[in-house]
Amino acid sequence: MRGEENLTKRAQYTLVYSEGRSWACGLLVMKALPNGLTLSRLGFSISRQVGKAVVRNKVKRWLREILRVTPLKPGWDIVFIARPPAATTSYTELKKSVEDLLSRARLLMRENERVYLRIN
């Protein structure tokens, strides 16, 4: 992911936490807020409750890869918060959880929307 696709400042996270809507499952909590930009920005919050640094970094790498290959609608700030069971799950279960949360929030881009954005 490029730098402009990440939430980097504490104020950005705070805004999403305070004003964004949230969706949750057993492994993750997702908070999202419209940002008015032409791209979606992502942030990850993985606390020490999830595990030691190696485990937290693995979960973060997996989330980044899952979201790299998942088409998102533009114009959203999205924060994923990992819960402790995410440390012991598999990549495929984590991917299913991410896709489930994104589809419940209606942030997944459908095929016909992708074609339209490429044309314009």
PDB file of N, CA and C in Angstrom:
ATOM      1  N   MET A   1       0.831  -1.172   0.000  1.00  0.00           N
ATOM      2  CA  MET A   1       0.000   0.000   0.000  1.00  0.00           C
ATOM      3  C   MET A   1       0.880   1.241   0.000  1.00  0.00           C
ATOM      4  N   ARG A   2       0.443   2.237  -0.730  1.00  0.00           N
ATOM      5  CA  ARG A   2       1.173   3.494  -0.770  1.00  0.00           C
ATOM      6  C   ARG A   2       0.881   4.305   0.485  1.00  0.00           C
ATOM      7  N   GLY A   3       1.733   5.276   0.765  1.00  0.00           N
ATOM      8  CA  GLY A   3       1.609   6.076   1.973  1.00  0.00           C
ATOM      9  C   GLY A   3       0.307   6.836   2.077  1.00  0.00           C
ATOM     10  N   GLU A   4      -0.206   7.342   0.961  1.00  0.00           N
ATOM     11  CA  GLU A   4      -1.448   8.111   1.031  1.00  0.00           C
ATOM     12  C   GLU A   4      -2.661   7.220   1.275  1.00  0.00           C
ATOM     13  N   GLU A   5      -2.494   5.904   1.204  1.00  0.00           N
ATOM     14  CA  GLU A   5      -3.591   4.980   1.455  1.00  0.00           C
ATOM     15  C   GLU A   5      -3.643   4.539   2.916  1.00  0.00           C
ATOM     16  N   ASN A   6      -2.793   5.124   3.770  1.00  0.00           N
ATOM     17  CA  ASN A   6      -2.747   4.755   5.179  1.00  0.00           C
ATOM     18  C   ASN A   6      -3.199   5.908   6.050  1.00  0.00           C
ATOM     19  N   LEU A   7      -3.828   5.573   7.150  1.00  0.00           N
ATOM     20  CA  LEU A   7      -4.076   6.563   8.184  1.00  0.00           C
ATOM     21  C   LEU A   7      -2.795   6.643   9.005  1.00  0.00           C
ATOM     22  N   THR A   8      -2.243   7.833   9.147  1.00  0.00           N
ATOM     23  CA  THR A   8      -0.946   7.950   9.792  1.00  0.00           C
ATOM     24  C   THR A   8      -0.962   8.785  11.060  1.00  0.00           C
ATOM     25  N   LYS A   9      -1.892   9.677  11.193  1.00  0.00           N
ATOM     26  CA  LYS A   9      -1.893  10.591  12.333  1.00  0.00           C
ATOM     27  C   LYS A   9      -2.915  10.179  13.384  1.00  0.00           C
ATOM     28  N   ARG A  10      -2.589  10.468  14.621  1.00  0.00           N
ATOM     29  CA  ARG A  10      -3.471  10.134  15.725  1.00  0.00           C
ATOM     30  C   ARG A  10      -4.845  10.783  15.554  1.00  0.00           C
ATOM     31  N   ALA A  11      -4.889  12.005  15.045  1.00  0.00           N
ATOM     32  CA  ALA A  11      -6.159  12.706  14.853  1.00  0.00           C
ATOM     33  C   ALA A  11      -7.057  11.969  13.852  1.00  0.00           C
ATOM     34  N   GLN A  12      -6.453  11.360  12.830  1.00  0.00           N
ATOM     35  CA  GLN A  12      -7.242  10.612  11.852  1.00  0.00           C
ATOM     36  C   GLN A  12      -7.911   9.397  12.512  1.00  0.00           C
ATOM     37  N   TYR A  13      -7.136   8.668  13.324  1.00  0.00           N
ATOM     38  CA  TYR A  13      -7.691   7.520  14.039  1.00  0.00           C
ATOM     39  C   TYR A  13      -8.792   7.973  15.008  1.00  0.00           C
ATOM     40  N   THR A  14      -8.536   9.036  15.749  1.00  0.00           N
ATOM     41  CA  THR A  14      -9.497   9.530  16.733  1.00  0.00           C
ATOM     42  C   THR A  14     -10.814   9.912  16.070  1.00  0.00           C
ATOM     43  N   LEU A  15     -10.736  10.548  14.898  1.00  0.00           N
ATOM     44  CA  LEU A  15     -11.941  10.933  14.177  1.00  0.00           C
ATOM     45  C   LEU A  15     -12.753   9.706  13.768  1.00  0.00           C
ATOM     46  N   VAL A  16     -12.083   8.682  13.259  1.00  0.00           N
ATOM     47  CA  VAL A  16     -12.787   7.460  12.857  1.00  0.00           C
ATOM     48  C   VAL A  16     -13.388   6.770  14.081  1.00  0.00           C
ATOM     49  N   TYR A  17     -12.627   6.708  15.183  1.00  0.00           N
ATOM     50  CA  TYR A  17     -13.144   6.079  16.396  1.00  0.00           C
ATOM     51  C   TYR A  17     -14.373   6.805  16.932  1.00  0.00           C
ATOM     52  N   SER A  18     -14.342   8.130  16.931  1.00  0.00           N
ATOM     53  CA  SER A  18     -15.423   8.877  17.563  1.00  0.00           C
ATOM     54  C   SER A  18     -16.653   9.043  16.669  1.00  0.00           C
ATOM     55  N   GLU A  19     -16.466   9.220  15.370  1.00  0.00           N
ATOM     56  CA  GLU A  19     -17.603   9.518  14.498  1.00  0.00           C
ATOM     57  C   GLU A  19     -17.967   8.398  13.528  1.00  0.00           C
ATOM     58  N   GLY A  20     -17.119   7.387  13.395  1.00  0.00           N
ATOM     59  CA  GLY A  20     -17.378   6.329  12.425  1.00  0.00           C
ATOM     60  C   GLY A  20     -18.349   5.283  12.936  1.00  0.00           C
ATOM     61  N   ARG A  21     -18.918   4.549  12.008  1.00  0.00           N
ATOM     62  CA  ARG A  21     -19.782   3.413  12.341  1.00  0.00           C
ATOM     63  C   ARG A  21     -18.902   2.193  12.534  1.00  0.00           C
ATOM     64  N   SER A  22     -19.389   1.216  13.290  1.00  0.00           N
ATOM     65  CA  SER A  22     -18.570   0.032  13.536  1.00  0.00           C
ATOM     66  C   SER A  22     -19.348  -1.243  13.232  1.00  0.00           C
ATOM     67  N   TRP A  23     -18.593  -2.247  12.832  1.00  0.00           N
ATOM     68  CA  TRP A  23     -19.088  -3.587  12.589  1.00  0.00           C
ATOM     69  C   TRP A  23     -18.110  -4.531  13.259  1.00  0.00           C
ATOM     70  N   ALA A  24     -18.607  -5.632  13.816  1.00  0.00           N
ATOM     71  CA  ALA A  24     -17.734  -6.524  14.562  1.00  0.00           C
ATOM     72  C   ALA A  24     -18.032  -7.984  14.252  1.00  0.00           C
ATOM     73  N   CYS A  25     -17.009  -8.795  14.425  1.00  0.00           N
ATOM     74  CA  CYS A  25     -17.139 -10.242  14.371  1.00  0.00           C
ATOM     75  C   CYS A  25     -16.205 -10.793  15.449  1.00  0.00           C
ATOM     76  N   GLY A  26     -16.032 -12.080  15.510  1.00  0.00           N
ATOM     77  CA  GLY A  26     -15.226 -12.681  16.557  1.00  0.00           C
ATOM     78  C   GLY A  26     -13.754 -12.327  16.500  1.00  0.00           C
ATOM     79  N   LEU A  27     -13.231 -12.039  15.310  1.00  0.00           N
ATOM     80  CA  LEU A  27     -11.803 -11.781  15.158  1.00  0.00           C
ATOM     81  C   LEU A  27     -11.449 -10.310  15.054  1.00  0.00           C
ATOM     82  N   LEU A  28     -12.364  -9.510  14.522  1.00  0.00           N
ATOM     83  CA  LEU A  28     -12.050  -8.115  14.217  1.00  0.00           C
ATOM     84  C   LEU A  28     -13.205  -7.182  14.543  1.00  0.00           C
ATOM     85  N   VAL A  29     -12.854  -5.925  14.710  1.00  0.00           N
ATOM     86  CA  VAL A  29     -13.826  -4.833  14.736  1.00  0.00           C
ATOM     87  C   VAL A  29     -13.406  -3.890  13.621  1.00  0.00           C
ATOM     88  N   MET A  30     -14.352  -3.426  12.830  1.00  0.00           N
ATOM     89  CA  MET A  30     -14.055  -2.492  11.751  1.00  0.00           C
ATOM     90  C   MET A  30     -14.841  -1.211  11.990  1.00  0.00           C
ATOM     91  N   LYS A  31     -14.149  -0.091  11.918  1.00  0.00           N
ATOM     92  CA  LYS A  31     -14.796   1.215  12.020  1.00  0.00           C
ATOM     93  C   LYS A  31     -14.553   1.946  10.713  1.00  0.00           C
ATOM     94  N   ALA A  32     -15.581   2.617  10.193  1.00  0.00           N
ATOM     95  CA  ALA A  32     -15.467   3.296   8.909  1.00  0.00           C
ATOM     96  C   ALA A  32     -16.164   4.642   8.959  1.00  0.00           C
ATOM     97  N   LEU A  33     -15.569   5.591   8.235  1.00  0.00           N
ATOM     98  CA  LEU A  33     -16.085   6.954   8.177  1.00  0.00           C
ATOM     99  C   LEU A  33     -15.807   7.506   6.781  1.00  0.00           C
ATOM    100  N   PRO A  34     -16.799   8.123   6.116  1.00  0.00           N
ATOM    101  CA  PRO A  34     -16.528   8.735   4.808  1.00  0.00           C
ATOM    102  C   PRO A  34     -15.486   9.846   4.948  1.00  0.00           C
ATOM    103  N   ASN A  35     -14.566   9.929   3.962  1.00  0.00           N
ATOM    104  CA  ASN A  35     -13.505  10.940   4.057  1.00  0.00           C
ATOM    105  C   ASN A  35     -13.554  11.994   2.959  1.00  0.00           C
ATOM    106  N   GLY A  36     -14.403  11.823   1.949  1.00  0.00           N
ATOM    107  CA  GLY A  36     -14.521  12.831   0.899  1.00  0.00           C
ATOM    108  C   GLY A  36     -13.375  12.842  -0.090  1.00  0.00           C
ATOM    109  N   LEU A  37     -12.490  11.857  -0.035  1.00  0.00           N
ATOM    110  CA  LEU A  37     -11.362  11.773  -0.965  1.00  0.00           C
ATOM    111  C   LEU A  37     -11.687  10.798  -2.082  1.00  0.00           C
ATOM    112  N   THR A  38     -10.791  10.688  -3.048  1.00  0.00           N
ATOM    113  CA  THR A  38     -10.994   9.764  -4.161  1.00  0.00           C
ATOM    114  C   THR A  38     -10.390   8.398  -3.885  1.00  0.00           C
ATOM    115  N   LEU A  39      -9.887   8.185  -2.664  1.00  0.00           N
ATOM    116  CA  LEU A  39      -9.340   6.887  -2.302  1.00  0.00           C
ATOM    117  C   LEU A  39      -9.722   6.557  -0.873  1.00  0.00           C
ATOM    118  N   SER A  40      -9.658   5.281  -0.554  1.00  0.00           N
ATOM    119  CA  SER A  40      -9.922   4.844   0.810  1.00  0.00           C
ATOM    120  C   SER A  40      -8.598   4.698   1.542  1.00  0.00           C
ATOM    121  N   ARG A  41      -8.588   5.140   2.805  1.00  0.00           N
ATOM    122  CA  ARG A  41      -7.383   5.036   3.624  1.00  0.00           C
ATOM    123  C   ARG A  41      -7.625   4.002   4.713  1.00  0.00           C
ATOM    124  N   LEU A  42      -6.579   3.224   5.031  1.00  0.00           N
ATOM    125  CA  LEU A  42      -6.696   2.124   5.973  1.00  0.00           C
ATOM    126  C   LEU A  42      -5.812   2.340   7.181  1.00  0.00           C
ATOM    127  N   GLY A  43      -6.267   1.851   8.316  1.00  0.00           N
ATOM    128  CA  GLY A  43      -5.486   1.870   9.538  1.00  0.00           C
ATOM    129  C   GLY A  43      -5.703   0.570  10.296  1.00  0.00           C
ATOM    130  N   PHE A  44      -4.712   0.196  11.093  1.00  0.00           N
ATOM    131  CA  PHE A  44      -4.782  -1.055  11.840  1.00  0.00           C
ATOM    132  C   PHE A  44      -4.427  -0.783  13.291  1.00  0.00           C
ATOM    133  N   SER A  45      -5.184  -1.383  14.196  1.00  0.00           N
ATOM    134  CA  SER A  45      -4.920  -1.259  15.617  1.00  0.00           C
ATOM    135  C   SER A  45      -4.860  -2.662  16.192  1.00  0.00           C
ATOM    136  N   ILE A  46      -3.669  -3.046  16.633  1.00  0.00           N
ATOM    137  CA  ILE A  46      -3.470  -4.394  17.153  1.00  0.00           C
ATOM    138  C   ILE A  46      -2.776  -4.257  18.506  1.00  0.00           C
ATOM    139  N   SER A  47      -3.524  -4.478  19.573  1.00  0.00           N
ATOM    140  CA  SER A  47      -2.999  -4.226  20.913  1.00  0.00           C
ATOM    141  C   SER A  47      -2.146  -5.391  21.405  1.00  0.00           C
ATOM    142  N   ARG A  48      -1.522  -5.190  22.539  1.00  0.00           N
ATOM    143  CA  ARG A  48      -0.685  -6.227  23.143  1.00  0.00           C
ATOM    144  C   ARG A  48      -1.491  -7.423  23.608  1.00  0.00           C
ATOM    145  N   GLN A  49      -2.794  -7.251  23.762  1.00  0.00           N
ATOM    146  CA  GLN A  49      -3.645  -8.376  24.152  1.00  0.00           C
ATOM    147  C   GLN A  49      -3.665  -9.457  23.073  1.00  0.00           C
ATOM    148  N   VAL A  50      -3.393  -9.068  21.835  1.00  0.00           N
ATOM    149  CA  VAL A  50      -3.382 -10.031  20.735  1.00  0.00           C
ATOM    150  C   VAL A  50      -2.185 -10.962  20.867  1.00  0.00           C
ATOM    151  N   GLY A  51      -1.059 -10.453  21.314  1.00  0.00           N
ATOM    152  CA  GLY A  51       0.129 -11.286  21.472  1.00  0.00           C
ATOM    153  C   GLY A  51       1.379 -10.443  21.474  1.00  0.00           C
ATOM    154  N   LYS A  52       2.514 -11.122  21.445  1.00  0.00           N
ATOM    155  CA  LYS A  52       3.795 -10.417  21.417  1.00  0.00           C
ATOM    156  C   LYS A  52       4.013  -9.805  20.041  1.00  0.00           C
ATOM    157  N   ALA A  53       5.097  -9.065  19.891  1.00  0.00           N
ATOM    158  CA  ALA A  53       5.347  -8.285  18.675  1.00  0.00           C
ATOM    159  C   ALA A  53       5.329  -9.134  17.411  1.00  0.00           C
ATOM    160  N   VAL A  54       5.894 -10.321  17.460  1.00  0.00           N
ATOM    161  CA  VAL A  54       5.940 -11.177  16.279  1.00  0.00           C
ATOM    162  C   VAL A  54       4.532 -11.527  15.820  1.00  0.00           C
ATOM    163  N   VAL A  55       3.677 -11.866  16.750  1.00  0.00           N
ATOM    164  CA  VAL A  55       2.292 -12.239  16.431  1.00  0.00           C
ATOM    165  C   VAL A  55       1.524 -11.028  15.921  1.00  0.00           C
ATOM    166  N   ARG A  56       1.675  -9.893  16.586  1.00  0.00           N
ATOM    167  CA  ARG A  56       0.972  -8.680  16.145  1.00  0.00           C
ATOM    168  C   ARG A  56       1.394  -8.285  14.734  1.00  0.00           C
ATOM    169  N   ASN A  57       2.682  -8.357  14.451  1.00  0.00           N
ATOM    170  CA  ASN A  57       3.164  -8.012  13.108  1.00  0.00           C
ATOM    171  C   ASN A  57       2.643  -8.979  12.056  1.00  0.00           C
ATOM    172  N   LYS A  58       2.533 -10.262  12.396  1.00  0.00           N
ATOM    173  CA  LYS A  58       1.999 -11.249  11.451  1.00  0.00           C
ATOM    174  C   LYS A  58       0.549 -10.930  11.123  1.00  0.00           C
ATOM    175  N   VAL A  59      -0.243 -10.626  12.151  1.00  0.00           N
ATOM    176  CA  VAL A  59      -1.659 -10.298  11.925  1.00  0.00           C
ATOM    177  C   VAL A  59      -1.766  -9.044  11.061  1.00  0.00           C
ATOM    178  N   LYS A  60      -0.934  -8.052  11.332  1.00  0.00           N
ATOM    179  CA  LYS A  60      -0.963  -6.813  10.552  1.00  0.00           C
ATOM    180  C   LYS A  60      -0.561  -7.066   9.097  1.00  0.00           C
ATOM    181  N   ARG A  61       0.470  -7.879   8.879  1.00  0.00           N
ATOM    182  CA  ARG A  61       0.884  -8.208   7.501  1.00  0.00           C
ATOM    183  C   ARG A  61      -0.227  -8.924   6.759  1.00  0.00           C
ATOM    184  N   TRP A  62      -0.880  -9.877   7.436  1.00  0.00           N
ATOM    185  CA  TRP A  62      -1.979 -10.595   6.802  1.00  0.00           C
ATOM    186  C   TRP A  62      -3.117  -9.646   6.441  1.00  0.00           C
ATOM    187  N   LEU A  63      -3.466  -8.747   7.339  1.00  0.00           N
ATOM    188  CA  LEU A  63      -4.542  -7.790   7.052  1.00  0.00           C
ATOM    189  C   LEU A  63      -4.182  -6.896   5.874  1.00  0.00           C
ATOM    190  N   ARG A  64      -2.940  -6.420   5.834  1.00  0.00           N
ATOM    191  CA  ARG A  64      -2.514  -5.583   4.702  1.00  0.00           C
ATOM    192  C   ARG A  64      -2.621  -6.342   3.380  1.00  0.00           C
ATOM    193  N   GLU A  65      -2.189  -7.603   3.374  1.00  0.00           N
ATOM    194  CA  GLU A  65      -2.255  -8.390   2.139  1.00  0.00           C
ATOM    195  C   GLU A  65      -3.699  -8.652   1.731  1.00  0.00           C
ATOM    196  N   ILE A  66      -4.544  -8.981   2.679  1.00  0.00           N
ATOM    197  CA  ILE A  66      -5.960  -9.222   2.371  1.00  0.00           C
ATOM    198  C   ILE A  66      -6.579  -7.970   1.755  1.00  0.00           C
ATOM    199  N   LEU A  67      -6.296  -6.821   2.321  1.00  0.00           N
ATOM    200  CA  LEU A  67      -6.888  -5.582   1.818  1.00  0.00           C
ATOM    201  C   LEU A  67      -6.224  -5.099   0.530  1.00  0.00           C
ATOM    202  N   ARG A  68      -5.004  -5.527   0.278  1.00  0.00           N
ATOM    203  CA  ARG A  68      -4.339  -5.169  -0.980  1.00  0.00           C
ATOM    204  C   ARG A  68      -5.055  -5.804  -2.164  1.00  0.00           C
ATOM    205  N   VAL A  69      -5.540  -7.027  -1.991  1.00  0.00           N
ATOM    206  CA  VAL A  69      -6.185  -7.741  -3.099  1.00  0.00           C
ATOM    207  C   VAL A  69      -7.703  -7.606  -3.094  1.00  0.00           C
ATOM    208  N   THR A  70      -8.264  -6.915  -2.100  1.00  0.00           N
ATOM    209  CA  THR A  70      -9.711  -6.742  -2.004  1.00  0.00           C
ATOM    210  C   THR A  70     -10.094  -5.370  -2.557  1.00  0.00           C
ATOM    211  N   PRO A  71     -10.983  -5.333  -3.553  1.00  0.00           N
ATOM    212  CA  PRO A  71     -11.398  -4.035  -4.115  1.00  0.00           C
ATOM    213  C   PRO A  71     -12.353  -3.300  -3.176  1.00  0.00           C
ATOM    214  N   LEU A  72     -11.960  -2.100  -2.767  1.00  0.00           N
ATOM    215  CA  LEU A  72     -12.767  -1.282  -1.861  1.00  0.00           C
ATOM    216  C   LEU A  72     -13.373  -0.100  -2.590  1.00  0.00           C
ATOM    217  N   LYS A  73     -14.515   0.351  -2.102  1.00  0.00           N
ATOM    218  CA  LYS A  73     -15.093   1.582  -2.633  1.00  0.00           C
ATOM    219  C   LYS A  73     -14.229   2.752  -2.189  1.00  0.00           C
ATOM    220  N   PRO A  74     -14.019   3.730  -3.057  1.00  0.00           N
ATOM    221  CA  PRO A  74     -13.203   4.887  -2.662  1.00  0.00           C
ATOM    222  C   PRO A  74     -13.973   5.827  -1.743  1.00  0.00           C
ATOM    223  N   GLY A  75     -13.206   6.621  -0.983  1.00  0.00           N
ATOM    224  CA  GLY A  75     -13.817   7.666  -0.170  1.00  0.00           C
ATOM    225  C   GLY A  75     -14.100   7.287   1.270  1.00  0.00           C
ATOM    226  N   TRP A  76     -13.364   6.336   1.830  1.00  0.00           N
ATOM    227  CA  TRP A  76     -13.608   5.906   3.199  1.00  0.00           C
ATOM    228  C   TRP A  76     -12.308   5.841   3.989  1.00  0.00           C
ATOM    229  N   ASP A  77     -12.384   6.175   5.271  1.00  0.00           N
ATOM    230  CA  ASP A  77     -11.323   5.898   6.235  1.00  0.00           C
ATOM    231  C   ASP A  77     -11.777   4.680   7.020  1.00  0.00           C
ATOM    232  N   ILE A  78     -10.965   3.630   7.008  1.00  0.00           N
ATOM    233  CA  ILE A  78     -11.348   2.362   7.623  1.00  0.00           C
ATOM    234  C   ILE A  78     -10.256   1.945   8.604  1.00  0.00           C
ATOM    235  N   VAL A  79     -10.658   1.595   9.814  1.00  0.00           N
ATOM    236  CA  VAL A  79      -9.726   1.100  10.824  1.00  0.00           C
ATOM    237  C   VAL A  79     -10.157  -0.307  11.216  1.00  0.00           C
ATOM    238  N   PHE A  80      -9.197  -1.237  11.169  1.00  0.00           N
ATOM    239  CA  PHE A  80      -9.427  -2.597  11.615  1.00  0.00           C
ATOM    240  C   PHE A  80      -8.768  -2.775  12.973  1.00  0.00           C
ATOM    241  N   ILE A  81      -9.534  -3.273  13.940  1.00  0.00           N
ATOM    242  CA  ILE A  81      -9.047  -3.504  15.287  1.00  0.00           C
ATOM    243  C   ILE A  81      -9.063  -5.013  15.511  1.00  0.00           C
ATOM    244  N   ALA A  82      -7.892  -5.583  15.754  1.00  0.00           N
ATOM    245  CA  ALA A  82      -7.782  -7.031  15.937  1.00  0.00           C
ATOM    246  C   ALA A  82      -8.149  -7.415  17.364  1.00  0.00           C
ATOM    247  N   ARG A  83      -8.897  -8.477  17.503  1.00  0.00           N
ATOM    248  CA  ARG A  83      -9.229  -9.043  18.801  1.00  0.00           C
ATOM    249  C   ARG A  83      -8.251 -10.189  19.091  1.00  0.00           C
ATOM    250  N   PRO A  84      -8.079 -10.579  20.346  1.00  0.00           N
ATOM    251  CA  PRO A  84      -7.105 -11.633  20.682  1.00  0.00           C
ATOM    252  C   PRO A  84      -7.244 -12.945  19.911  1.00  0.00           C
ATOM    253  N   PRO A  85      -8.452 -13.429  19.577  1.00  0.00           N
ATOM    254  CA  PRO A  85      -8.516 -14.675  18.796  1.00  0.00           C
ATOM    255  C   PRO A  85      -7.883 -14.577  17.397  1.00  0.00           C
ATOM    256  N   ALA A  86      -7.641 -13.370  16.904  1.00  0.00           N
ATOM    257  CA  ALA A  86      -7.005 -13.216  15.587  1.00  0.00           C
ATOM    258  C   ALA A  86      -5.591 -13.768  15.582  1.00  0.00           C
ATOM    259  N   ALA A  87      -4.966 -13.870  16.746  1.00  0.00           N
ATOM    260  CA  ALA A  87      -3.592 -14.365  16.834  1.00  0.00           C
ATOM    261  C   ALA A  87      -3.497 -15.847  16.501  1.00  0.00           C
ATOM    262  N   THR A  88      -4.539 -16.603  16.756  1.00  0.00           N
ATOM    263  CA  THR A  88      -4.475 -18.051  16.565  1.00  0.00           C
ATOM    264  C   THR A  88      -5.274 -18.528  15.366  1.00  0.00           C
ATOM    265  N   THR A  89      -5.774 -17.625  14.578  1.00  0.00           N
ATOM    266  CA  THR A  89      -6.590 -18.012  13.428  1.00  0.00           C
ATOM    267  C   THR A  89      -5.720 -18.215  12.193  1.00  0.00           C
ATOM    268  N   SER A  90      -6.312 -18.774  11.155  1.00  0.00           N
ATOM    269  CA  SER A  90      -5.589 -18.958   9.894  1.00  0.00           C
ATOM    270  C   SER A  90      -5.838 -17.766   8.975  1.00  0.00           C
ATOM    271  N   TYR A  91      -5.019 -17.688   7.934  1.00  0.00           N
ATOM    272  CA  TYR A  91      -5.147 -16.609   6.957  1.00  0.00           C
ATOM    273  C   TYR A  91      -6.524 -16.633   6.304  1.00  0.00           C
ATOM    274  N   THR A  92      -7.011 -17.812   5.947  1.00  0.00           N
ATOM    275  CA  THR A  92      -8.297 -17.896   5.247  1.00  0.00           C
ATOM    276  C   THR A  92      -9.456 -17.473   6.146  1.00  0.00           C
ATOM    277  N   GLU A  93      -9.399 -17.821   7.431  1.00  0.00           N
ATOM    278  CA  GLU A  93     -10.456 -17.387   8.345  1.00  0.00           C
ATOM    279  C   GLU A  93     -10.428 -15.874   8.526  1.00  0.00           C
ATOM    280  N   LEU A  94      -9.222 -15.315   8.614  1.00  0.00           N
ATOM    281  CA  LEU A  94      -9.096 -13.861   8.741  1.00  0.00           C
ATOM    282  C   LEU A  94      -9.627 -13.169   7.487  1.00  0.00           C
ATOM    283  N   LYS A  95      -9.331 -13.743   6.329  1.00  0.00           N
ATOM    284  CA  LYS A  95      -9.815 -13.171   5.066  1.00  0.00           C
ATOM    285  C   LYS A  95     -11.340 -13.207   4.998  1.00  0.00           C
ATOM    286  N   LYS A  96     -11.935 -14.313   5.425  1.00  0.00           N
ATOM    287  CA  LYS A  96     -13.396 -14.408   5.431  1.00  0.00           C
ATOM    288  C   LYS A  96     -14.009 -13.358   6.357  1.00  0.00           C
ATOM    289  N   SER A  97     -13.373 -13.154   7.504  1.00  0.00           N
ATOM    290  CA  SER A  97     -13.880 -12.154   8.460  1.00  0.00           C
ATOM    291  C   SER A  97     -13.817 -10.751   7.872  1.00  0.00           C
ATOM    292  N   VAL A  98     -12.694 -10.418   7.226  1.00  0.00           N
ATOM    293  CA  VAL A  98     -12.537  -9.089   6.615  1.00  0.00           C
ATOM    294  C   VAL A  98     -13.585  -8.891   5.524  1.00  0.00           C
ATOM    295  N   GLU A  99     -13.738  -9.877   4.652  1.00  0.00           N
ATOM    296  CA  GLU A  99     -14.707  -9.752   3.567  1.00  0.00           C
ATOM    297  C   GLU A  99     -16.134  -9.672   4.098  1.00  0.00           C
ATOM    298  N   ASP A 100     -16.427 -10.400   5.169  1.00  0.00           N
ATOM    299  CA  ASP A 100     -17.756 -10.344   5.772  1.00  0.00           C
ATOM    300  C   ASP A 100     -18.032  -8.946   6.327  1.00  0.00           C
ATOM    301  N   LEU A 101     -17.071  -8.383   7.041  1.00  0.00           N
ATOM    302  CA  LEU A 101     -17.262  -7.038   7.595  1.00  0.00           C
ATOM    303  C   LEU A 101     -17.419  -5.999   6.488  1.00  0.00           C
ATOM    304  N   LEU A 102     -16.593  -6.085   5.461  1.00  0.00           N
ATOM    305  CA  LEU A 102     -16.675  -5.120   4.362  1.00  0.00           C
ATOM    306  C   LEU A 102     -17.995  -5.243   3.610  1.00  0.00           C
ATOM    307  N   SER A 103     -18.484  -6.458   3.430  1.00  0.00           N
ATOM    308  CA  SER A 103     -19.750  -6.617   2.716  1.00  0.00           C
ATOM    309  C   SER A 103     -20.922  -6.143   3.577  1.00  0.00           C
ATOM    310  N   ARG A 104     -20.863  -6.374   4.883  1.00  0.00           N
ATOM    311  CA  ARG A 104     -21.928  -5.873   5.762  1.00  0.00           C
ATOM    312  C   ARG A 104     -21.961  -4.352   5.771  1.00  0.00           C
ATOM    313  N   ALA A 105     -20.798  -3.729   5.645  1.00  0.00           N
ATOM    314  CA  ALA A 105     -20.725  -2.268   5.615  1.00  0.00           C
ATOM    315  C   ALA A 105     -20.950  -1.716   4.211  1.00  0.00           C
ATOM    316  N   ARG A 106     -21.098  -2.586   3.237  1.00  0.00           N
ATOM    317  CA  ARG A 106     -21.268  -2.220   1.825  1.00  0.00           C
ATOM    318  C   ARG A 106     -20.086  -1.403   1.301  1.00  0.00           C
ATOM    319  N   LEU A 107     -18.882  -1.839   1.658  1.00  0.00           N
ATOM    320  CA  LEU A 107     -17.676  -1.154   1.198  1.00  0.00           C
ATOM    321  C   LEU A 107     -16.915  -1.952   0.155  1.00  0.00           C
ATOM    322  N   LEU A 108     -17.396  -3.141  -0.184  1.00  0.00           N
ATOM    323  CA  LEU A 108     -16.772  -3.910  -1.260  1.00  0.00           C
ATOM    324  C   LEU A 108     -17.237  -3.384  -2.600  1.00  0.00           C
ATOM    325  N   MET A 109     -16.316  -3.235  -3.517  1.00  0.00           N
ATOM    326  CA  MET A 109     -16.666  -2.757  -4.848  1.00  0.00           C
ATOM    327  C   MET A 109     -17.099  -3.952  -5.697  1.00  0.00           C
ATOM    328  N   ARG A 110     -18.240  -3.825  -6.328  1.00  0.00           N
ATOM    329  CA  ARG A 110     -18.728  -4.882  -7.202  1.00  0.00           C
ATOM    330  C   ARG A 110     -18.055  -4.790  -8.560  1.00  0.00           C
ATOM    331  N   GLU A 111     -18.160  -5.850  -9.329  1.00  0.00           N
ATOM    332  CA  GLU A 111     -17.471  -5.931 -10.629  1.00  0.00           C
ATOM    333  C   GLU A 111     -17.913  -4.819 -11.564  1.00  0.00           C
ATOM    334  N   ASN A 112     -19.222  -4.530 -11.637  1.00  0.00           N
ATOM    335  CA  ASN A 112     -19.697  -3.497 -12.565  1.00  0.00           C
ATOM    336  C   ASN A 112     -19.214  -2.106 -12.142  1.00  0.00           C
ATOM    337  N   GLU A 113     -19.017  -1.885 -10.851  1.00  0.00           N
ATOM    338  CA  GLU A 113     -18.486  -0.597 -10.390  1.00  0.00           C
ATOM    339  C   GLU A 113     -17.020  -0.436 -10.782  1.00  0.00           C
ATOM    340  N   ARG A 114     -16.261  -1.547 -10.742  1.00  0.00           N
ATOM    341  CA  ARG A 114     -14.854  -1.497 -11.122  1.00  0.00           C
ATOM    342  C   ARG A 114     -14.696  -1.149 -12.595  1.00  0.00           C
ATOM    343  N   VAL A 115     -15.546  -1.706 -13.438  1.00  0.00           N
ATOM    344  CA  VAL A 115     -15.487  -1.422 -14.861  1.00  0.00           C
ATOM    345  C   VAL A 115     -15.805   0.047 -15.106  1.00  0.00           C
ATOM    346  N   TYR A 116     -16.812   0.580 -14.408  1.00  0.00           N
ATOM    347  CA  TYR A 116     -17.199   1.973 -14.570  1.00  0.00           C
ATOM    348  C   TYR A 116     -16.059   2.913 -14.166  1.00  0.00           C
ATOM    349  N   LEU A 117     -15.376   2.607 -13.083  1.00  0.00           N
ATOM    350  CA  LEU A 117     -14.273   3.476 -12.634  1.00  0.00           C
ATOM    351  C   LEU A 117     -13.093   3.441 -13.597  1.00  0.00           C
ATOM    352  N   ARG A 118     -12.849   2.296 -14.242  1.00  0.00           N
ATOM    353  CA  ARG A 118     -11.764   2.219 -15.209  1.00  0.00           C
ATOM    354  C   ARG A 118     -12.054   3.037 -16.452  1.00  0.00           C
ATOM    355  N   ILE A 119     -13.321   3.107 -16.845  1.00  0.00           N
ATOM    356  CA  ILE A 119     -13.694   3.847 -18.053  1.00  0.00           C
ATOM    357  C   ILE A 119     -13.550   5.339 -17.818  1.00  0.00           C
ATOM    358  N   ASN A 120     -13.950   5.823 -16.659  1.00  0.00           N
ATOM    359  CA  ASN A 120     -13.928   7.265 -16.372  1.00  0.00           C
ATOM    360  C   ASN A 120     -12.588   7.732 -15.936  1.00  0.00           C
TER     361      ASN A 120
END
